[in-house]
Protein backbone atom coordinates (compact mmCIF):
# COMPACT_ATOMS: atom_id res chain seq x y z
CA MET A 1 18.25 34.00 -27.38
CA PRO A 2 20.51 30.62 -28.21
CA ARG A 3 23.25 32.20 -25.77
CA VAL A 4 20.74 32.13 -22.59
CA LEU A 5 19.78 28.56 -24.04
CA ILE A 6 23.41 27.43 -23.98
CA ASN A 7 24.67 29.10 -20.64
CA PHE A 8 20.97 27.58 -18.98
CA LEU A 9 22.52 24.05 -19.79
CA VAL A 10 25.79 24.58 -19.24
CA VAL A 11 24.44 25.61 -15.67
CA PHE A 12 22.01 22.69 -15.29
CA ALA A 13 24.94 20.40 -16.13
CA ALA A 14 27.21 21.85 -13.94
CA VAL A 15 24.39 21.44 -10.79
CA LEU A 16 24.01 17.53 -11.94
CA ALA A 17 27.34 16.88 -11.82
CA SER A 18 27.56 18.55 -8.87
CA LEU A 19 24.60 16.72 -6.89
CA PHE A 20 26.77 13.30 -8.76
CA VAL A 21 29.71 14.11 -7.11
CA TYR A 22 28.15 14.77 -3.82
CA SER A 23 26.46 11.34 -3.93
CA LYS A 24 29.70 9.55 -4.70
CA LEU A 25 31.53 11.37 -2.20
CA ASN A 26 29.25 10.94 0.83
CA GLY A 27 28.21 7.28 -0.16
CA ASN A 28 25.01 8.11 -0.49
CA LYS A 29 22.39 6.53 -3.15
CA ASN A 30 20.41 9.68 -3.45
CA PRO A 31 21.71 12.87 -3.32
CA LEU A 32 18.39 14.65 -1.84
CA PRO A 33 18.89 15.32 1.87
CA ALA A 34 16.34 13.70 3.96
CA PRO A 35 13.68 16.15 4.50
CA VAL A 36 13.36 15.99 0.93
CA GLN A 37 13.30 12.06 0.89
CA ASP A 38 10.50 12.08 3.42
CA VAL A 39 8.20 14.58 1.57
CA ARG A 40 8.73 12.64 -1.90
CA ASP A 41 7.82 9.61 -0.25
CA PHE A 42 4.11 11.07 0.70
CA GLY A 43 4.45 9.04 4.13
CA ILE A 44 3.42 5.83 2.45
CA GLY A 45 6.85 4.09 3.85
CA GLN A 46 6.20 5.17 7.39
CA ILE A 47 2.63 3.78 6.78
CA ARG A 48 3.64 0.75 5.66
CA ALA A 49 6.04 0.30 8.56
CA ARG A 50 3.34 0.88 10.93
CA LYS A 51 1.08 -1.76 9.25
CA GLU A 52 3.76 -4.35 8.99
CA ALA A 53 4.00 -3.92 13.23
CA LEU A 54 0.63 -3.91 13.58
CA ILE A 55 0.36 -6.98 11.89
CA GLU A 56 3.33 -8.76 13.79
CA GLY A 57 1.07 -8.15 17.25
CA PHE A 58 -2.00 -9.98 15.00
CA ARG A 59 0.66 -12.95 14.17
CA VAL A 60 1.84 -13.59 18.16
CA ALA A 61 -1.51 -13.01 19.25
CA ASP A 62 -2.80 -16.09 17.11
CA GLY A 63 -1.96 -18.55 19.41
CA ALA A 64 -3.82 -16.52 22.92
CA LYS A 65 -6.96 -16.51 20.39
CA THR A 66 -6.32 -20.30 19.50
CA ALA A 67 -5.73 -21.14 23.18
CA TYR A 68 -8.64 -18.95 24.41
CA ALA A 69 -11.28 -20.28 21.75
CA GLU A 70 -10.18 -23.98 23.09
CA TYR A 71 -10.54 -22.67 26.73
CA TYR A 72 -14.11 -21.72 25.55
CA SER A 73 -15.08 -24.47 24.03
CA ASN A 74 -13.78 -27.17 27.03
CA VAL A 75 -14.61 -24.91 30.01
CA GLY A 76 -17.90 -23.05 28.34
CA LYS A 77 -16.75 -20.01 30.20
CA LEU A 78 -14.58 -17.05 28.91
CA PRO A 79 -10.81 -17.12 30.39
CA THR A 80 -9.95 -14.11 32.72
CA LYS A 81 -6.05 -14.55 32.38
CA ASN A 82 -3.25 -16.10 30.35
CA ALA A 83 -2.54 -18.74 33.12
CA GLU A 84 -5.82 -19.91 32.58
CA VAL A 85 -5.61 -20.73 28.81
CA GLY A 86 -1.86 -22.09 29.42
CA ILE A 87 -0.04 -18.97 27.55
CA GLN A 88 2.94 -17.01 29.06
CA GLU A 89 2.32 -14.12 31.14
CA PRO A 90 1.48 -10.88 29.61
CA ASP A 91 4.99 -9.07 29.67
CA THR A 92 6.76 -12.29 28.16
CA TYR A 93 5.38 -11.48 24.61
CA HIS A 94 8.24 -9.02 23.34
CA GLY A 95 8.77 -8.16 19.82
CA LYS A 96 10.01 -5.69 17.28
CA SER A 97 6.70 -3.78 18.12
CA ILE A 98 4.74 -5.58 20.68
CA LYS A 99 5.19 -4.95 24.49
CA ARG A 100 2.36 -7.41 26.01
CA ILE A 101 -0.30 -9.72 24.89
CA GLU A 102 -2.79 -10.05 27.56
CA VAL A 103 -6.32 -12.32 27.84
CA SER A 104 -9.24 -10.99 29.74
CA GLU A 105 -12.71 -11.70 29.53
CA SER A 106 -13.21 -9.09 26.71
CA GLY A 107 -10.50 -11.21 24.94
CA VAL A 108 -6.92 -10.77 23.63
CA THR A 109 -5.36 -7.21 23.82
CA ILE A 110 -2.44 -6.60 22.53
CA THR A 111 -0.34 -3.36 23.70
CA TYR A 112 2.43 -2.49 21.21
CA ASN A 113 5.59 0.13 21.43
CA ASP A 114 6.33 3.10 19.30
CA GLN A 115 6.93 1.27 16.63
CA THR A 116 3.62 1.25 15.49
CA GLY A 117 3.66 5.33 16.41
CA VAL A 118 1.50 5.22 19.32
CA ASP A 119 4.08 4.20 22.69
CA ASN A 120 1.07 1.80 24.78
CA GLY A 121 -1.22 1.56 21.76
CA ARG A 122 -3.61 -1.12 22.08
CA VAL A 123 -6.01 -3.28 20.05
CA LEU A 124 -8.00 -4.91 21.22
CA LEU A 125 -9.52 -8.60 19.74
CA GLU A 126 -12.72 -8.79 21.13
CA ALA A 127 -13.77 -12.65 21.92
CA VAL A 128 -17.82 -12.74 21.12
CA PRO A 129 -19.08 -16.14 21.75
CA LEU A 130 -21.85 -17.52 19.78
CA GLU A 131 -23.32 -20.95 19.31
CA GLY A 132 -20.78 -22.55 21.37
CA ASN A 133 -17.62 -21.04 19.44
CA ILE A 134 -15.40 -17.46 19.70
CA THR A 135 -15.97 -15.21 16.89
CA TRP A 136 -13.41 -12.27 17.09
CA LYS A 137 -14.19 -8.38 16.49
CA CYS A 138 -11.04 -5.90 16.46
CA SER A 139 -11.04 -2.44 17.81
CA SER A 140 -8.72 0.16 19.15
CA GLU A 141 -8.99 3.33 20.73
CA SER A 142 -4.89 4.32 19.90
CA TYR A 143 -5.30 4.29 16.45
CA PRO A 144 -7.65 6.51 14.69
CA SER A 145 -6.53 5.13 11.03
CA ILE A 146 -6.26 1.82 11.99
CA LYS A 147 -9.12 0.53 9.55
CA ALA A 148 -6.67 1.49 6.70
CA MET A 149 -4.10 -0.55 7.89
CA ILE A 150 -6.19 -3.54 9.03
CA PRO A 151 -9.60 -3.36 7.43
CA THR A 152 -11.02 -5.35 9.52
CA CYS A 153 -10.43 -3.50 12.48
CA GLU A 154 -12.50 -0.60 14.08
CA TYR A 155 -11.56 2.93 15.79
CA ARG A 156 -13.16 3.19 18.64
CA LYS A 157 -13.26 6.58 20.59
């Protein structure tokens, strides 16, 4: 029995040494192949990246929301396009994950590229007039799991 244990330890040490040498020769800090690394991540990295991509759109849309609310406060009606609220045309908004930001009577729509996992995915920041002010509701038809990434947002089929 001790001979079997010694053989096992020798083989185990040889495998570890070969993995170490392999990683050093390839300049890879993690000796595991990419598919194994992805499985070990359990998709957390991908979810985090998609959440960050969605949040980028919300940050960029903040200016449009402010302009929208000011327009409503000053004019007393909901705007129908970007030019009415004094912001750039929809297709001029670009970012790492953003394709466009568009104002309509419904509110502000953010259209994303494939960085969010859905090319042309859209999120509506719905404008709800309430006592002379605008409150905002977030919804999306494009992202079934949006509530997990953006808790204030709802998925609508």
